[in-house]
Amino acid sequence: MPNPASLRDSTQIVLPSAALSGLREDIQERFVVTICEADGYCRIIGSPVEIKHVGRFLAHHGVAVA
């Protein structure tokens, strides 16, 4: 059985809300993901393939994704 933490890591990106400043609309237009915001953080949730593409997009725009 897969480790739930590893599945979570491959299906979401969690960042401070400020990190998505100016990029949120582009992400929602380009990728099939859900963005939830709470307590100053954004959670980008999607399939492992979409999350990988979003991670590359964010890195291209200077947002560090751990």
Protein backbone atom coordinates (compact mmCIF):
# COMPACT_ATOMS: atom_id res chain seq x y z
CA MET A 1 0.00 0.00 0.00
CA PRO A 2 1.44 3.43 -0.93
CA ASN A 3 2.43 5.90 1.73
CA PRO A 4 -0.29 8.63 2.01
CA ALA A 5 2.34 11.37 2.44
CA SER A 6 3.99 10.47 -0.87
CA LEU A 7 0.61 10.50 -2.63
CA ARG A 8 -0.16 13.92 -1.17
CA ASP A 9 3.20 15.26 -2.33
CA SER A 10 2.49 14.16 -5.89
CA THR A 11 -1.03 15.65 -6.00
CA GLN A 12 -0.60 19.05 -4.34
CA ILE A 13 1.67 22.05 -3.97
CA VAL A 14 1.40 24.21 -0.85
CA LEU A 15 2.78 27.75 -1.00
CA PRO A 16 2.34 31.05 0.82
CA SER A 17 -0.51 32.97 -0.83
CA ALA A 18 1.85 35.79 -1.80
CA ALA A 19 3.88 33.38 -3.96
CA LEU A 20 0.99 33.14 -6.42
CA SER A 21 0.64 36.89 -6.80
CA GLY A 22 -0.08 37.56 -10.47
CA LEU A 23 0.10 33.86 -11.39
CA ARG A 24 -3.10 32.42 -9.96
CA GLU A 25 -5.29 33.27 -12.97
CA ASP A 26 -2.69 31.93 -15.42
CA ILE A 27 -2.49 28.67 -13.49
CA GLN A 28 -6.26 28.26 -13.44
CA GLU A 29 -6.49 28.97 -17.18
CA ARG A 30 -3.62 26.67 -18.24
CA PHE A 31 -3.99 23.69 -15.89
CA VAL A 32 -6.77 21.47 -14.56
CA VAL A 33 -6.24 22.15 -10.87
CA THR A 34 -8.09 23.48 -7.86
CA ILE A 35 -6.60 26.28 -5.78
CA CYS A 36 -7.75 26.50 -2.15
CA GLU A 37 -6.67 29.34 0.09
CA ALA A 38 -6.65 29.39 3.90
CA ASP A 39 -4.54 30.87 6.69
CA GLY A 40 -2.18 32.66 4.30
CA TYR A 41 -1.39 29.56 2.24
CA CYS A 42 -2.56 28.30 -1.15
CA ARG A 43 -2.96 24.61 -1.87
CA ILE A 44 -2.85 23.70 -5.56
CA ILE A 45 -4.50 20.30 -5.99
CA GLY A 46 -4.55 18.18 -9.13
CA SER A 47 -3.43 14.97 -10.77
CA PRO A 48 0.25 14.04 -10.47
CA VAL A 49 0.78 14.99 -14.12
CA GLU A 50 -0.85 18.42 -13.72
CA ILE A 51 1.03 19.10 -10.48
CA LYS A 52 4.31 18.33 -12.24
CA HIS A 53 3.43 20.80 -15.01
CA VAL A 54 2.34 23.46 -12.50
CA GLY A 55 5.62 22.98 -10.61
CA ARG A 56 7.58 23.60 -13.81
CA PHE A 57 5.44 26.65 -14.60
CA LEU A 58 6.03 28.07 -11.12
CA ALA A 59 9.77 27.40 -11.31
CA HIS A 60 9.89 29.15 -14.71
CA HIS A 61 8.31 32.18 -13.02
CA GLY A 62 10.77 32.18 -10.13
CA VAL A 63 8.62 30.49 -7.48
CA ALA A 64 10.57 27.91 -5.47
CA VAL A 65 8.65 24.65 -5.09
CA ALA A 66 10.10 22.21 -2.57
